[in-house]
N, C-alpha and C. Protein backbone atom coordinates (compact mmCIF):
# COMPACT_ATOMS: atom_id res chain seq x y z
N UNK A 1 79.00 -144.05 66.71
CA UNK A 1 77.89 -143.70 67.56
C UNK A 1 77.82 -142.39 68.37
N UNK A 2 77.05 -141.98 68.19
CA UNK A 2 77.09 -140.64 68.34
C UNK A 2 76.51 -140.29 69.95
N UNK A 3 77.15 -139.61 70.55
CA UNK A 3 77.10 -138.88 72.15
C UNK A 3 76.47 -137.84 71.97
N UNK A 4 75.64 -137.67 73.09
CA UNK A 4 74.64 -136.56 73.59
C UNK A 4 75.41 -135.61 74.09
N UNK A 5 75.53 -134.43 73.91
CA UNK A 5 76.41 -133.27 74.30
C UNK A 5 75.52 -132.31 74.82
N UNK A 6 75.37 -131.94 75.87
CA UNK A 6 74.23 -131.11 76.23
C UNK A 6 74.98 -129.58 76.33
N UNK A 7 73.57 -128.43 75.93
CA UNK A 7 73.97 -127.69 75.11
C UNK A 7 74.17 -126.71 76.52
N UNK A 8 75.13 -125.97 76.48
CA UNK A 8 75.70 -124.90 77.55
C UNK A 8 74.78 -124.38 78.14
N UNK A 9 74.02 -123.53 77.68
CA UNK A 9 72.77 -122.55 77.89
C UNK A 9 71.68 -123.43 78.71
N UNK A 10 71.99 -124.81 77.99
CA UNK A 10 70.50 -125.66 78.70
C UNK A 10 70.81 -125.90 80.05
N UNK A 11 72.39 -126.24 80.19
CA UNK A 11 72.86 -127.06 81.77
C UNK A 11 72.90 -125.72 82.35
N UNK A 12 73.28 -124.50 82.21
CA UNK A 12 73.21 -123.10 83.13
C UNK A 12 71.78 -123.16 83.68
N UNK A 13 70.90 -122.98 82.66
CA UNK A 13 69.40 -122.86 83.10
C UNK A 13 69.07 -123.70 83.80
N UNK A 14 69.23 -125.50 84.33
CA UNK A 14 69.21 -126.15 85.32
C UNK A 14 69.65 -126.06 86.54
N UNK A 15 70.40 -124.55 86.95
CA UNK A 15 70.76 -124.54 88.29
C UNK A 15 69.97 -123.53 88.79
N UNK A 16 68.80 -122.70 88.09
CA UNK A 16 68.03 -121.77 88.03
C UNK A 16 66.74 -122.20 89.06
N UNK A 17 66.20 -121.57 89.75
CA UNK A 17 64.97 -121.87 90.64
C UNK A 17 63.95 -121.94 89.24
N UNK A 18 62.37 -122.36 89.45
CA UNK A 18 61.55 -122.67 88.56
C UNK A 18 61.43 -121.11 88.24
N UNK A 19 60.99 -119.54 88.99
CA UNK A 19 60.72 -118.77 88.53
C UNK A 19 61.97 -118.00 87.50
N UNK A 20 63.17 -118.25 88.22
CA UNK A 20 64.19 -117.70 86.96
C UNK A 20 64.02 -118.34 85.81
N UNK A 21 63.50 -119.48 85.68
CA UNK A 21 63.66 -120.31 84.51
C UNK A 21 62.57 -119.59 83.75
N UNK A 22 61.72 -119.57 84.54
CA UNK A 22 59.97 -118.69 83.63
C UNK A 22 60.48 -117.47 82.81
N UNK A 23 61.15 -116.93 84.34
CA UNK A 23 61.80 -115.31 83.73
C UNK A 23 62.76 -115.32 82.73
N UNK A 24 63.44 -116.05 82.65
CA UNK A 24 64.58 -116.31 81.64
C UNK A 24 64.12 -116.41 80.52
N UNK A 25 62.90 -117.46 80.50
CA UNK A 25 62.70 -117.50 79.20
C UNK A 25 61.90 -116.83 78.35
N UNK A 26 61.05 -115.89 79.30
CA UNK A 26 60.14 -114.71 78.93
C UNK A 26 61.23 -114.05 78.19
N UNK A 27 61.99 -113.53 78.45
CA UNK A 27 62.88 -112.58 78.62
C UNK A 27 63.53 -113.19 76.89
N UNK A 28 63.69 -114.27 77.19
CA UNK A 28 64.43 -114.47 75.73
C UNK A 28 63.39 -114.64 74.55
N UNK A 29 62.15 -114.70 74.76
CA UNK A 29 61.22 -114.92 73.74
C UNK A 29 61.03 -113.22 73.62
N UNK A 30 60.55 -112.37 74.56
CA UNK A 30 59.77 -111.23 74.17
C UNK A 30 60.99 -110.30 74.27
N UNK A 31 62.12 -109.87 75.10
CA UNK A 31 62.82 -109.34 75.19
C UNK A 31 62.96 -108.74 76.48
N UNK A 32 61.85 -108.61 77.72
CA UNK A 32 61.44 -108.11 78.08
C UNK A 32 61.66 -108.61 79.55
N UNK A 33 62.38 -108.29 80.40
CA UNK A 33 62.57 -109.03 81.95
C UNK A 33 61.73 -108.21 82.87
N UNK A 34 60.42 -108.53 83.01
CA UNK A 34 59.94 -107.73 83.59
C UNK A 34 60.41 -107.42 85.24
N UNK A 35 60.40 -108.39 86.26
CA UNK A 35 61.47 -108.08 87.32
C UNK A 35 62.16 -107.00 87.45
N UNK A 36 63.43 -106.79 86.28
CA UNK A 36 64.10 -105.84 86.42
C UNK A 36 63.80 -104.03 86.02
N UNK A 37 62.35 -104.47 84.80
CA UNK A 37 61.87 -103.55 84.95
C UNK A 37 61.14 -102.65 85.62
N UNK A 38 60.33 -103.53 86.58
CA UNK A 38 60.16 -102.91 87.39
C UNK A 38 60.60 -102.61 88.93
N UNK A 39 62.09 -103.00 89.22
CA UNK A 39 63.26 -102.81 90.02
C UNK A 39 63.91 -101.35 89.79
N UNK A 40 63.38 -101.09 88.33
CA UNK A 40 64.16 -99.92 87.70
C UNK A 40 63.40 -98.98 87.90
N UNK A 41 61.93 -98.81 87.57
CA UNK A 41 61.25 -97.92 87.85
C UNK A 41 60.86 -97.59 89.18
N UNK A 42 61.12 -98.95 90.43
CA UNK A 42 60.92 -98.47 91.81
C UNK A 42 62.05 -97.50 92.27
N UNK A 43 63.31 -97.85 91.80
CA UNK A 43 64.69 -97.47 92.26
C UNK A 43 64.32 -96.21 91.96
N UNK A 44 63.95 -95.88 90.62
CA UNK A 44 63.69 -93.98 90.48
C UNK A 44 62.61 -93.45 91.29
N UNK A 45 61.77 -94.18 91.74
CA UNK A 45 60.66 -93.55 92.42
C UNK A 45 60.63 -93.33 94.08
N UNK A 46 61.51 -94.36 94.59
CA UNK A 46 61.06 -94.91 95.66
C UNK A 46 62.05 -93.72 96.62
N UNK A 47 61.64 -93.38 97.75
CA UNK A 47 62.00 -92.86 98.81
C UNK A 47 63.03 -93.05 99.75
N UNK A 48 64.08 -92.48 99.72
CA UNK A 48 64.78 -92.94 101.50
C UNK A 48 65.38 -94.15 101.27
N UNK A 49 65.59 -95.28 99.93
CA UNK A 49 65.89 -96.54 100.33
C UNK A 49 64.70 -97.45 100.93
N UNK A 50 63.38 -96.89 100.58
CA UNK A 50 62.31 -97.55 101.14
C UNK A 50 61.75 -98.99 100.19
N UNK A 51 62.32 -99.25 98.94
CA UNK A 51 61.89 -100.56 98.57
C UNK A 51 62.12 -101.18 98.96
N UNK A 52 61.27 -102.06 99.23
CA UNK A 52 61.55 -104.10 99.89
C UNK A 52 60.83 -104.39 98.67
N UNK A 53 61.38 -106.13 98.42
CA UNK A 53 61.00 -106.94 97.80
C UNK A 53 60.97 -108.55 98.63
N UNK A 54 60.21 -109.25 98.10
CA UNK A 54 59.93 -110.66 98.58
C UNK A 54 59.34 -111.29 97.38
N UNK A 55 59.64 -112.31 97.16
CA UNK A 55 59.55 -113.41 96.07
C UNK A 55 59.56 -114.57 96.77
N UNK A 56 57.83 -115.30 96.35
CA UNK A 56 57.63 -116.48 96.89
C UNK A 56 57.42 -117.60 95.27
N UNK A 57 56.60 -118.53 95.68
CA UNK A 57 56.03 -119.33 94.58
C UNK A 57 54.96 -118.82 93.66
N UNK A 58 54.52 -117.74 94.26
CA UNK A 58 53.45 -116.79 93.41
C UNK A 58 53.78 -115.90 92.94
N UNK A 59 55.28 -115.41 92.82
CA UNK A 59 55.04 -114.21 92.54
C UNK A 59 56.35 -113.68 93.29
N UNK A 60 56.52 -111.86 92.46
CA UNK A 60 57.23 -111.12 93.31
C UNK A 60 56.66 -109.78 94.05
N UNK A 61 56.67 -109.63 95.06
CA UNK A 61 55.88 -107.99 95.80
C UNK A 61 56.93 -107.35 95.94
N UNK A 62 56.92 -106.19 95.68
CA UNK A 62 57.89 -105.00 96.15
C UNK A 62 56.59 -103.90 97.04
N UNK A 63 57.36 -102.93 97.75
CA UNK A 63 56.95 -102.52 98.29
C UNK A 63 57.69 -101.07 98.39
N UNK A 64 56.84 -100.06 98.27
CA UNK A 64 58.11 -98.58 98.42
C UNK A 64 57.41 -97.28 98.90
N UNK A 65 58.03 -96.16 99.40
CA UNK A 65 57.33 -95.19 99.83
C UNK A 65 57.49 -94.17 98.73
N UNK A 66 56.29 -93.44 98.30
CA UNK A 66 56.18 -92.58 97.24
C UNK A 66 56.06 -91.36 97.87
N UNK A 67 55.95 -90.07 98.08
CA UNK A 67 55.50 -89.07 98.77
C UNK A 67 55.01 -89.54 100.33
N UNK A 68 53.90 -89.17 100.72
CA UNK A 68 53.28 -89.83 101.38
C UNK A 68 52.39 -91.54 101.78
N UNK A 69 52.74 -91.78 100.15
CA UNK A 69 51.79 -92.88 100.46
C UNK A 69 52.87 -94.42 100.53
N UNK A 70 51.96 -95.38 101.04
CA UNK A 70 53.00 -97.11 100.23
C UNK A 70 52.64 -97.31 99.27
N UNK A 71 53.23 -97.91 98.28
CA UNK A 71 52.78 -98.30 97.03
C UNK A 71 53.44 -99.63 96.88
N UNK A 72 52.28 -100.82 96.67
CA UNK A 72 52.90 -102.27 96.56
C UNK A 72 52.74 -102.63 94.94
N UNK A 73 53.65 -103.16 94.40
CA UNK A 73 53.56 -103.62 93.19
C UNK A 73 53.67 -105.53 93.13
N UNK A 74 52.66 -106.17 92.60
CA UNK A 74 52.68 -107.46 92.69
C UNK A 74 53.12 -107.93 91.28
N UNK A 75 53.71 -108.74 90.83
CA UNK A 75 54.22 -109.41 89.85
C UNK A 75 53.67 -111.34 89.92
N UNK A 76 52.85 -112.10 89.25
CA UNK A 76 52.45 -113.17 89.80
C UNK A 76 53.43 -114.04 89.00
N UNK A 77 54.21 -113.79 87.71
CA UNK A 77 54.87 -114.60 86.68
C UNK A 77 55.44 -113.85 85.79
N UNK A 78 55.56 -114.57 84.67
CA UNK A 78 55.87 -113.87 83.33
C UNK A 78 54.93 -114.45 82.47
N UNK A 79 54.02 -115.39 82.76
CA UNK A 79 53.22 -115.88 81.33
C UNK A 79 52.00 -114.79 80.80
N UNK A 80 51.29 -115.17 79.78
CA UNK A 80 50.72 -114.34 79.50
C UNK A 80 49.51 -114.02 80.21
N UNK A 81 49.22 -115.12 80.98
CA UNK A 81 47.79 -115.48 82.14
C UNK A 81 47.98 -114.66 83.46
N UNK A 82 49.95 -114.30 83.68
CA UNK A 82 50.06 -113.59 84.92
C UNK A 82 49.77 -112.06 85.03
N UNK A 83 49.63 -111.92 85.91
CA UNK A 83 48.94 -110.04 86.12
C UNK A 83 50.32 -109.43 86.92
N UNK A 84 50.16 -107.98 86.63
CA UNK A 84 50.90 -107.14 87.32
C UNK A 84 49.64 -106.19 87.94
N UNK A 85 49.93 -106.03 89.40
CA UNK A 85 48.57 -105.37 90.03
C UNK A 85 49.45 -104.33 90.77
N UNK A 86 49.14 -103.27 90.81
CA UNK A 86 49.78 -101.89 91.39
C UNK A 86 48.72 -101.16 92.23
N UNK A 87 48.62 -101.20 93.81
CA UNK A 87 47.83 -100.28 94.70
C UNK A 87 48.51 -99.65 95.17
N UNK A 88 48.07 -98.96 96.22
CA UNK A 88 48.39 -97.42 97.52
C UNK A 88 47.08 -97.72 97.87
N UNK A 89 46.71 -97.61 98.88
CA UNK A 89 45.89 -97.35 99.84
C UNK A 89 45.96 -95.65 100.61
N UNK A 90 44.71 -95.26 100.45
CA UNK A 90 44.30 -93.84 100.35
C UNK A 90 43.75 -93.64 102.06
N UNK A 91 42.80 -94.35 101.98
CA UNK A 91 41.86 -93.61 103.31
C UNK A 91 41.24 -95.16 103.90
N UNK A 92 40.86 -94.87 105.17
CA UNK A 92 40.49 -96.05 105.72
C UNK A 92 38.77 -96.27 106.00
N UNK A 93 38.22 -97.00 105.94
CA UNK A 93 36.94 -97.45 106.12
C UNK A 93 36.51 -97.70 107.62
N UNK A 94 35.65 -97.40 108.39
CA UNK A 94 34.63 -96.24 107.94
C UNK A 94 35.24 -95.03 107.86
N UNK A 95 34.32 -94.27 106.83
CA UNK A 95 34.62 -92.68 106.68
C UNK A 95 33.62 -91.73 106.97
N UNK A 96 33.65 -90.40 107.18
CA UNK A 96 32.55 -89.66 107.34
C UNK A 96 31.77 -89.24 106.08
N UNK A 97 30.48 -89.27 105.89
CA UNK A 97 29.76 -88.97 104.86
C UNK A 97 30.16 -90.13 103.92
N UNK A 98 30.37 -91.34 103.77
CA UNK A 98 30.52 -92.66 102.60
C UNK A 98 29.75 -91.96 101.83
N UNK A 99 28.66 -91.48 101.73
CA UNK A 99 27.75 -91.40 100.40
C UNK A 99 28.70 -90.09 99.46
N UNK A 100 29.00 -89.24 100.23
CA UNK A 100 29.18 -88.60 99.37
C UNK A 100 30.96 -88.74 98.82
N UNK A 101 31.75 -89.36 99.63
CA UNK A 101 33.11 -90.05 99.47
C UNK A 101 32.72 -90.86 98.12
N UNK A 102 31.40 -91.68 98.16
CA UNK A 102 31.59 -92.86 97.11
C UNK A 102 31.31 -92.09 95.69
N UNK A 103 30.42 -90.87 95.91
CA UNK A 103 30.36 -89.97 94.83
C UNK A 103 31.80 -89.46 93.96
N UNK A 104 32.39 -88.88 95.13
CA UNK A 104 33.41 -88.59 94.55
C UNK A 104 34.54 -89.40 93.99
N UNK A 105 34.58 -90.55 94.63
CA UNK A 105 35.65 -91.64 94.02
C UNK A 105 35.10 -91.83 92.79
N UNK A 106 33.54 -92.11 92.32
CA UNK A 106 33.35 -92.27 91.21
C UNK A 106 33.63 -91.49 90.25
N UNK A 107 33.20 -90.35 90.58
CA UNK A 107 33.36 -88.96 89.91
C UNK A 107 34.98 -88.80 89.28
N UNK A 108 35.94 -89.06 90.23
CA UNK A 108 37.30 -89.27 90.01
C UNK A 108 37.60 -90.06 88.82
N UNK A 109 36.98 -91.71 89.11
CA UNK A 109 37.03 -93.04 88.79
C UNK A 109 36.90 -92.36 86.77
N UNK A 110 36.08 -91.66 86.91
CA UNK A 110 35.37 -91.37 85.23
C UNK A 110 36.38 -90.17 84.63
N UNK A 111 36.77 -89.02 85.48
CA UNK A 111 37.41 -88.41 84.89
C UNK A 111 39.42 -88.21 85.08
N UNK A 112 39.36 -88.80 86.12
CA UNK A 112 41.09 -88.41 86.27
C UNK A 112 41.60 -89.78 87.00
N UNK A 113 41.31 -90.77 86.81
CA UNK A 113 42.51 -91.86 86.94
C UNK A 113 43.27 -92.51 85.89
N UNK A 114 42.73 -92.12 84.78
CA UNK A 114 43.59 -92.88 83.56
C UNK A 114 43.47 -94.50 83.56
N UNK A 115 44.68 -95.40 83.49
CA UNK A 115 44.22 -96.63 83.84
C UNK A 115 44.00 -96.96 84.95
N UNK A 116 43.83 -96.31 85.71
CA UNK A 116 43.81 -97.41 87.27
C UNK A 116 42.31 -96.66 87.92
N UNK A 117 42.44 -96.79 89.19
CA UNK A 117 40.72 -96.49 89.13
C UNK A 117 40.86 -96.87 91.21
N UNK A 118 39.82 -96.15 91.86
CA UNK A 118 39.53 -96.22 93.01
C UNK A 118 39.00 -97.39 93.35
N UNK A 119 38.98 -98.14 94.72
CA UNK A 119 38.05 -99.08 94.53
C UNK A 119 38.08 -99.66 96.19
N UNK A 120 37.87 -100.42 96.65
CA UNK A 120 37.61 -100.51 98.27
C UNK A 120 38.15 -102.05 98.05
N UNK A 121 39.04 -102.17 99.56
CA UNK A 121 39.66 -103.63 99.21
C UNK A 121 40.09 -103.66 100.84
N UNK A 122 39.52 -104.61 101.59
CA UNK A 122 39.83 -104.68 103.28
C UNK A 122 39.68 -103.79 103.80
N UNK A 123 38.49 -102.84 103.66
CA UNK A 123 38.13 -101.68 104.48
C UNK A 123 39.06 -100.57 104.14
N UNK A 124 39.63 -100.67 103.04
CA UNK A 124 40.81 -99.49 102.92
C UNK A 124 40.29 -99.26 101.18
N UNK A 125 40.12 -97.44 100.77
CA UNK A 125 40.13 -97.31 99.92
C UNK A 125 41.25 -96.83 99.28
N UNK A 126 41.40 -97.52 98.06
CA UNK A 126 43.00 -97.88 97.19
C UNK A 126 42.62 -97.34 95.75
N UNK A 127 43.78 -96.92 95.32
CA UNK A 127 44.01 -96.65 93.86
C UNK A 127 44.50 -98.39 93.44
N UNK A 128 44.30 -98.43 92.36
CA UNK A 128 44.33 -99.78 91.91
C UNK A 128 44.86 -100.14 90.33
N UNK A 129 45.60 -100.80 89.99
CA UNK A 129 45.65 -101.33 88.69
C UNK A 129 46.36 -102.49 88.17
N UNK A 130 45.45 -103.02 87.46
CA UNK A 130 46.17 -104.63 87.27
C UNK A 130 45.65 -105.06 86.01
N UNK A 131 46.35 -105.55 85.35
CA UNK A 131 46.55 -106.20 83.94
C UNK A 131 47.25 -107.78 84.08
N UNK A 132 46.64 -108.29 83.00
CA UNK A 132 47.98 -109.43 82.69
C UNK A 132 49.18 -108.91 81.91
N UNK A 133 49.91 -109.77 82.06
CA UNK A 133 51.23 -109.68 81.52
C UNK A 133 51.31 -109.78 80.00
N UNK A 134 50.24 -110.73 79.36
CA UNK A 134 50.35 -110.48 77.93
C UNK A 134 50.72 -109.25 77.10
N UNK A 135 51.22 -109.29 76.35
CA UNK A 135 52.14 -108.39 75.57
C UNK A 135 52.34 -106.73 76.12
N UNK A 136 52.68 -106.85 77.47
CA UNK A 136 52.94 -105.57 78.41
C UNK A 136 54.42 -104.91 77.81
N UNK A 137 54.24 -103.98 77.70
CA UNK A 137 55.58 -103.39 77.35
C UNK A 137 56.44 -102.32 78.39
N UNK A 138 57.59 -102.46 78.52
CA UNK A 138 58.39 -101.84 80.11
C UNK A 138 57.61 -100.37 80.30
N UNK A 139 57.01 -99.63 78.85
CA UNK A 139 56.92 -98.40 79.23
C UNK A 139 55.33 -98.51 79.82
N UNK A 140 54.64 -99.53 79.38
CA UNK A 140 53.32 -99.76 80.11
C UNK A 140 53.27 -100.31 81.72
N UNK A 141 54.48 -100.66 81.79
CA UNK A 141 55.11 -101.03 83.58
C UNK A 141 55.36 -100.04 84.00
N UNK A 142 55.99 -98.71 83.81
CA UNK A 142 56.33 -97.55 84.30
C UNK A 142 55.23 -97.05 84.28
N UNK A 143 54.38 -96.85 83.36
CA UNK A 143 53.14 -95.95 83.51
C UNK A 143 52.33 -96.52 84.57
N UNK A 144 52.01 -97.75 84.43
CA UNK A 144 51.13 -98.17 85.91
C UNK A 144 51.80 -98.12 87.27
N UNK A 145 53.20 -98.14 87.25
CA UNK A 145 53.48 -98.13 88.55
C UNK A 145 53.19 -96.38 88.66
N UNK A 146 53.45 -95.49 88.11
CA UNK A 146 53.81 -93.95 87.89
C UNK A 146 52.15 -93.38 88.32
N UNK A 147 51.65 -93.94 87.61
CA UNK A 147 49.86 -93.54 87.49
C UNK A 147 49.44 -93.49 89.17
N UNK A 148 49.69 -94.97 89.80
CA UNK A 148 49.34 -95.35 90.79
C UNK A 148 49.38 -94.29 92.15
N UNK A 149 50.92 -94.51 92.01
CA UNK A 149 51.97 -93.88 93.09
C UNK A 149 51.37 -92.45 93.24
N UNK A 150 50.91 -91.57 91.74
CA UNK A 150 51.18 -90.24 91.79
C UNK A 150 49.56 -90.30 92.22
N UNK A 151 48.38 -90.58 91.74
CA UNK A 151 47.39 -90.62 91.85
C UNK A 151 46.94 -90.77 93.72
N UNK A 152 47.41 -91.93 93.80
CA UNK A 152 47.57 -91.93 95.55
C UNK A 152 47.90 -90.66 96.13
N UNK A 153 49.33 -90.29 95.82
CA UNK A 153 49.88 -89.52 96.58
C UNK A 153 49.36 -88.10 96.37
N UNK A 154 48.57 -87.81 95.22
CA UNK A 154 48.17 -86.35 95.31
C UNK A 154 46.43 -86.58 95.78
N UNK A 155 46.13 -87.74 96.64
CA UNK A 155 44.86 -87.34 96.92
C UNK A 155 44.60 -88.06 98.18
N UNK A 156 45.78 -88.36 98.63
CA UNK A 156 45.47 -89.39 100.18
C UNK A 156 44.93 -88.59 101.15
N UNK A 157 45.82 -86.99 101.19
CA UNK A 157 46.15 -86.38 102.27
C UNK A 157 44.49 -85.61 102.10
N UNK A 158 44.10 -85.13 101.12
CA UNK A 158 42.79 -84.78 100.66
C UNK A 158 41.72 -85.29 101.34
N UNK A 159 41.20 -86.80 100.82
CA UNK A 159 40.67 -87.53 101.17
C UNK A 159 40.17 -87.87 103.01
N UNK A 160 41.72 -87.86 103.14
CA UNK A 160 41.84 -87.75 105.02
C UNK A 160 41.48 -86.76 105.73
N UNK A 161 41.45 -85.76 105.09
CA UNK A 161 41.24 -84.49 105.62
C UNK A 161 39.80 -84.52 105.40
N UNK A 162 39.18 -85.02 104.16
CA UNK A 162 37.63 -84.54 103.80
C UNK A 162 37.07 -85.60 104.95
N UNK A 163 37.23 -86.78 104.64
CA UNK A 163 36.44 -87.85 105.02
C UNK A 163 36.48 -88.72 106.25
N UNK A 164 37.94 -88.79 106.45
CA UNK A 164 38.74 -89.84 107.50
C UNK A 164 37.90 -89.54 109.22
N UNK A 165 38.17 -90.29 109.68
CA UNK A 165 37.54 -90.35 111.10
C UNK A 165 38.39 -89.63 111.70
């Protein structure tokens, strides 16, 4: 008679939360732990221990201060269909001369924002970048967070001075 002997790795995994199990399986399959990569990037950029993270059933959400802006990073999960989204608010709306503001933002989107873009979310002008996790490398995670934070920090005060109310 053969008795079943559970694999030690399987037993250890059973004590993890469902998010941790998915993260662990993805890391084993791809060699990339996105949560660790994001935390490493944020720790290298965040000012004055400003980084905070929350974990819910829909993923992880980080917030940190970079220069004069707050940057948010959301990872919805670790499957190919999940997303990494990074954003930072640069200006509240309504604004002065919104027609000129929209023209300026569109011109900047075409020439200066790389993989990020300016957008309007909840009556705020934001710098945002979003993509699926499919084939996402640690370098792309770092680049995305860095681009959004840098563009937001480089433009928030100028946009507020020129178009803020």
